[in-house]
Amino acid sequence: MIKTIDFKKYTSIHIGSTHEVKVIEEVGEYSKYKILGRGNNTLVSNTPPPLAVLGENFDYIKEENGFLVVGAATTSGKLLRYCKKNDIAHFELLAKLPGNLGGLVKMNAGLKKWEIFNYLHSIKTYKGIVLKDNIEYSYRHTKIDGIIYEVRFYIEKGYNKEQQKLFNTMRDNQPNLPSAGSCFKNPKEYSAGYLIENVGLKGYKIGNMSFSSEHANFLVNLNGGSFEEAMSLIQLAQKKVKEKFDIELELEIEIV
C-alpha cells in the first residue's frame, strides 16, 4: 500500500514537501526504504530516498509471560496511558517524549539518566528476536540492523505520578514553536544549549528558522521555514562551536 504524505504537515518542525510513502504491514527487510516514525525528530529534505512507515498491524500493546510487548508503530502517548491504567512503572517519562516506540528505541530516547534502554528486554527485526545484551547502544544511539517491528520490556508495578510531574517540569522550558526537539546531542563537557548560547546563536535567525530564544538547542520554525535555512543554522552552529570549543556537535535530529 502507498499513501501520500505532506511532510510540512506531518513533521513536528513543519518542513518538507509531499511524497509517496510505502506502508509496511508485514515483517520483511525493506532495505531500500528509509523508515519514518511520527516525524517528531526528523528534518525531511525535498529529495529524500524512498520512504516507508509501519502500518496499523504494528500498533498494539499486550502483556505476555511477564513482559510488556509493544508494536513499533505504537505511540509513546498510547503506551503511557496503558501503563498508567495498568499501574506499570518506569514509563512515566514518556509524558513529553513524543514518537513511535520503534523510533524511540532506535535512538535510545530519554532525558538525563533515564533512557528507554533501561527497561528493554529485546526487539524484533526481520531476522527475529534480538536481546538487549546483543545490541550495541549508548547515549541517544543504537546500532540496530534493519527495521524494529516490536519491542519487549520488563514489567514492574507501581506507576509513579511524581516521576511524571518531574519529567513535565524538566521539559517545561521547551519552546512552543514547531521544532524537531533537541537539535544536537549533549557532549560530555557541556550541554549543547550552553555551547550554542556561548557562541552567540541563541535566538539567531536565518530566514524563517531560528535557534530558540528560550532554549538554544531547539531549532524552531518561525513560519514557513525551509530545509535549506535549517541546514544553514545547523552547519553554522557546528562551525562556531568547533572553532571556539574544539567540540564536534553531533546531531540528535535525523536528516532525511
Protein backbone atom coordinates (compact mmCIF):
# COMPACT_ATOMS: atom_id res chain seq x y z
CA MET A 1 0.00 0.00 0.00
CA ILE A 2 1.19 3.51 -0.85
CA LYS A 3 -0.01 6.74 0.74
CA THR A 4 0.82 10.37 0.06
CA ILE A 5 2.21 12.43 2.95
CA ASP A 6 2.69 16.20 3.10
CA PHE A 7 5.74 16.45 5.37
CA LYS A 8 5.14 20.13 6.01
CA LYS A 9 2.09 18.97 7.99
CA TYR A 10 3.40 15.55 9.10
CA THR A 11 6.68 16.54 10.78
CA SER A 12 6.79 18.43 14.06
CA ILE A 13 9.14 21.03 12.56
CA HIS A 14 6.70 21.66 9.65
CA ILE A 15 9.30 21.36 6.89
CA GLY A 16 9.17 19.22 3.76
CA SER A 17 7.24 18.62 0.58
CA THR A 18 4.75 15.94 -0.48
CA HIS A 19 5.98 12.40 -1.20
CA GLU A 20 4.55 8.94 -1.78
CA VAL A 21 5.33 6.63 1.13
CA LYS A 22 5.09 2.83 1.37
CA VAL A 23 3.00 1.48 4.27
CA ILE A 24 4.56 -1.70 5.70
CA GLU A 25 2.13 -4.24 7.19
CA GLU A 26 4.32 -7.36 7.15
CA VAL A 27 7.75 -8.15 8.62
CA GLY A 28 10.46 -8.03 5.97
CA GLU A 29 13.81 -6.48 5.10
CA TYR A 30 12.77 -3.42 3.01
CA SER A 31 16.41 -2.33 2.84
CA LYS A 32 15.86 0.22 0.06
CA TYR A 33 13.47 2.29 2.20
CA LYS A 34 14.12 4.92 4.84
CA ILE A 35 11.72 4.14 7.69
CA LEU A 36 9.95 7.07 9.33
CA GLY A 37 8.12 7.25 12.62
CA ARG A 38 5.85 10.14 13.57
CA GLY A 39 8.26 12.76 12.29
CA ASN A 40 9.00 14.26 15.70
CA ASN A 41 12.79 14.40 15.41
CA THR A 42 13.06 14.42 11.63
CA LEU A 43 14.09 17.03 9.09
CA VAL A 44 12.99 15.85 5.63
CA SER A 45 14.67 17.31 2.56
CA ASN A 46 12.91 17.93 -0.76
CA THR A 47 14.77 14.99 -2.33
CA PRO A 48 14.60 12.14 0.21
CA PRO A 49 15.31 8.47 -0.54
CA PRO A 50 12.34 6.03 -0.89
CA LEU A 51 10.29 6.36 2.31
CA ALA A 52 8.16 3.95 4.33
CA VAL A 53 6.13 3.89 7.53
CA LEU A 54 4.86 0.99 9.64
CA GLY A 55 1.14 0.35 9.35
CA GLU A 56 -1.58 -0.46 11.87
CA ASN A 57 -0.51 -4.12 12.15
CA PHE A 58 2.39 -2.89 14.29
CA ASP A 59 0.28 -0.72 16.61
CA TYR A 60 -0.51 -2.83 19.69
CA ILE A 61 0.25 -3.34 23.40
CA LYS A 62 -0.05 -6.67 25.21
CA GLU A 63 1.33 -8.46 28.25
CA GLU A 64 2.95 -11.81 27.59
CA ASN A 65 4.79 -14.09 30.04
CA GLY A 66 5.60 -11.19 32.36
CA PHE A 67 6.75 -8.86 29.58
CA LEU A 68 5.21 -5.75 28.08
CA VAL A 69 5.11 -6.35 24.30
CA VAL A 70 4.63 -3.26 22.15
CA GLY A 71 4.35 -2.88 18.38
CA ALA A 72 6.88 -0.45 16.94
CA ALA A 73 4.17 1.76 15.40
CA THR A 74 2.60 2.36 18.83
CA THR A 75 2.85 5.96 20.04
CA SER A 76 4.53 6.91 23.30
CA GLY A 77 1.27 8.54 24.42
CA LYS A 78 -0.68 5.30 23.94
CA LEU A 79 1.91 3.32 25.93
CA LEU A 80 1.92 5.95 28.69
CA ARG A 81 -1.86 5.73 29.05
CA TYR A 82 -1.70 1.92 29.14
CA CYS A 83 0.97 1.94 31.86
CA LYS A 84 -0.94 4.48 33.93
CA LYS A 85 -4.16 2.44 33.67
CA ASN A 86 -2.40 -0.85 34.48
CA ASP A 87 -0.05 0.50 37.19
CA ILE A 88 3.19 -0.26 35.32
CA ALA A 89 6.31 1.61 36.43
CA HIS A 90 9.17 3.36 34.59
CA PHE A 91 7.27 4.72 31.59
CA GLU A 92 6.06 7.90 33.30
CA LEU A 93 8.79 9.78 31.50
CA LEU A 94 7.14 9.20 28.12
CA ALA A 95 4.79 12.06 29.06
CA LYS A 96 6.71 14.58 26.97
CA LEU A 97 8.70 12.27 24.72
CA PRO A 98 6.63 12.06 21.52
CA GLY A 99 7.09 9.45 18.83
CA ASN A 100 6.60 5.81 17.90
CA LEU A 101 8.21 3.14 20.06
CA GLY A 102 10.34 1.90 17.17
CA GLY A 103 11.88 5.32 16.69
CA LEU A 104 12.32 5.95 20.42
CA VAL A 105 14.17 2.65 20.82
CA LYS A 106 16.22 3.19 17.64
CA MET A 107 17.61 6.47 19.04
CA ASN A 108 17.61 5.30 22.69
CA ALA A 109 15.48 8.31 23.57
CA GLY A 110 15.37 9.70 27.07
CA LEU A 111 16.17 12.54 29.43
CA LYS A 112 19.19 12.87 31.72
CA LYS A 113 19.83 9.45 33.36
CA TRP A 114 16.56 7.91 32.14
CA GLU A 115 16.63 6.26 28.74
CA ILE A 116 14.34 3.76 27.10
CA PHE A 117 17.01 1.04 27.04
CA ASN A 118 16.95 0.96 30.88
CA TYR A 119 13.94 -1.37 30.83
CA LEU A 120 14.26 -3.00 27.42
CA HIS A 121 14.45 -6.80 27.18
CA SER A 122 14.58 -7.33 23.40
CA ILE A 123 13.47 -6.16 19.98
CA LYS A 124 12.10 -7.95 16.93
CA THR A 125 13.60 -7.32 13.46
CA TYR A 126 13.23 -9.26 10.20
CA LYS A 127 16.00 -11.53 11.50
CA GLY A 128 13.97 -12.44 14.60
CA ILE A 129 14.30 -11.59 18.30
CA VAL A 130 17.42 -9.67 19.34
CA LEU A 131 18.20 -9.47 23.06
CA LYS A 132 19.26 -6.14 24.55
CA ASP A 133 22.59 -7.71 25.58
CA ASN A 134 23.36 -8.26 21.88
CA ILE A 135 22.62 -4.66 20.85
CA GLU A 136 25.34 -2.03 20.78
CA TYR A 137 23.91 1.15 22.31
CA SER A 138 24.97 4.36 24.02
CA TYR A 139 23.63 7.84 24.75
CA ARG A 140 20.99 8.63 22.06
CA HIS A 141 22.45 5.98 19.78
CA THR A 142 21.99 2.33 18.84
CA LYS A 143 23.46 0.06 16.24
CA ILE A 144 20.46 -1.92 15.05
CA ASP A 145 20.37 -3.74 11.72
CA GLY A 146 17.05 -3.25 9.97
CA ILE A 147 13.57 -2.13 10.99
CA ILE A 148 12.33 -2.57 14.56
CA TYR A 149 8.90 -4.24 14.41
CA GLU A 150 8.30 -4.98 18.08
CA VAL A 151 9.84 -4.13 21.44
CA ARG A 152 9.65 -6.05 24.68
CA PHE A 153 10.10 -4.54 28.14
CA TYR A 154 10.39 -5.86 31.67
CA ILE A 155 7.27 -5.19 33.76
CA GLU A 156 7.44 -3.68 37.24
CA LYS A 157 4.34 -2.50 39.07
CA GLY A 158 3.94 0.95 40.58
CA TYR A 159 3.15 3.86 38.25
CA ASN A 160 4.71 6.97 39.80
CA LYS A 161 2.78 10.22 39.23
CA GLU A 162 5.56 12.25 40.89
CA GLN A 163 8.02 10.97 38.30
CA GLN A 164 5.68 12.12 35.55
CA LYS A 165 5.41 15.58 37.16
CA LEU A 166 9.21 15.76 37.39
CA PHE A 167 9.61 14.95 33.71
CA ASN A 168 6.96 17.51 32.77
CA THR A 169 8.79 20.16 34.79
CA MET A 170 12.12 19.33 33.16
CA ARG A 171 10.52 19.74 29.73
CA ASP A 172 8.61 22.94 30.51
CA ASN A 173 11.38 25.10 29.05
CA GLN A 174 10.76 23.71 25.59
CA PRO A 175 9.57 26.27 23.04
CA ASN A 176 6.01 26.09 21.72
CA LEU A 177 7.03 26.83 18.14
CA PRO A 178 7.33 23.94 15.63
CA SER A 179 10.63 22.10 16.18
CA ALA A 180 12.18 18.64 15.93
CA GLY A 181 13.12 18.53 19.62
CA SER A 182 16.73 18.81 20.72
CA CYS A 183 18.86 19.60 17.68
CA PHE A 184 22.21 18.30 18.95
CA LYS A 185 23.28 15.62 21.40
CA ASN A 186 24.84 16.90 24.61
CA PRO A 187 28.63 16.45 24.56
CA LYS A 188 30.29 15.20 27.76
CA GLU A 189 31.82 18.54 28.70
CA TYR A 190 28.87 20.93 28.29
CA SER A 191 25.22 20.90 27.26
CA ALA A 192 24.60 21.65 23.59
CA GLY A 193 22.36 24.55 24.61
CA TYR A 194 25.18 26.14 26.61
CA LEU A 195 27.58 25.83 23.68
CA ILE A 196 25.14 27.34 21.16
CA GLU A 197 24.33 30.22 23.51
CA ASN A 198 28.03 30.79 24.25
CA VAL A 199 28.85 31.29 20.57
CA GLY A 200 26.08 33.87 20.26
CA LEU A 201 23.46 31.82 18.41
CA LYS A 202 20.63 31.69 20.96
CA GLY A 203 17.72 33.35 19.17
CA TYR A 204 19.78 33.69 15.98
CA LYS A 205 17.72 33.59 12.77
CA ILE A 206 18.31 32.69 9.16
CA GLY A 207 15.20 33.42 7.12
CA ASN A 208 12.25 31.84 8.94
CA MET A 209 14.32 29.41 11.02
CA SER A 210 15.95 30.19 14.37
CA PHE A 211 17.67 28.71 17.39
CA SER A 212 15.07 29.27 20.09
CA SER A 213 15.46 32.29 22.37
CA GLU A 214 14.01 30.07 25.16
CA HIS A 215 16.23 27.01 24.71
CA ALA A 216 19.20 27.41 22.37
CA ASN A 217 19.38 23.71 21.42
CA PHE A 218 15.93 23.83 19.80
CA LEU A 219 15.81 24.70 16.11
CA VAL A 220 12.40 26.33 15.61
CA ASN A 221 10.29 27.18 12.58
CA LEU A 222 9.07 30.78 12.89
CA ASN A 223 6.64 30.44 9.99
CA GLY A 224 7.36 28.85 6.63
CA GLY A 225 10.99 27.97 7.31
CA SER A 226 12.83 25.86 4.75
CA PHE A 227 15.13 22.84 4.80
CA GLU A 228 17.96 24.99 3.42
CA GLU A 229 17.56 27.58 6.21
CA ALA A 230 17.54 24.82 8.85
CA MET A 231 20.69 23.26 7.42
CA SER A 232 22.44 26.64 7.31
CA LEU A 233 21.79 27.13 11.04
CA ILE A 234 22.91 23.60 11.89
CA GLN A 235 26.16 24.00 9.97
CA LEU A 236 26.79 27.46 11.43
CA ALA A 237 26.41 26.17 14.99
CA GLN A 238 28.73 23.22 14.31
CA LYS A 239 31.34 25.55 12.78
CA LYS A 240 31.26 28.14 15.59
CA VAL A 241 31.31 25.57 18.40
CA LYS A 242 34.20 23.74 16.76
CA GLU A 243 36.17 27.00 16.41
CA LYS A 244 35.58 28.17 19.99
CA PHE A 245 35.49 24.92 21.98
CA ASP A 246 37.06 22.35 19.63
CA ILE A 247 33.92 20.24 20.11
CA GLU A 248 32.11 18.47 17.26
CA LEU A 249 28.38 18.94 17.77
CA GLU A 250 26.62 15.71 16.81
CA LEU A 251 23.05 15.81 15.53
CA GLU A 252 20.23 14.38 17.61
CA ILE A 253 17.61 15.16 14.97
CA GLU A 254 17.61 12.94 11.91
CA ILE A 255 18.12 14.44 8.47
CA VAL A 256 16.44 12.51 5.65
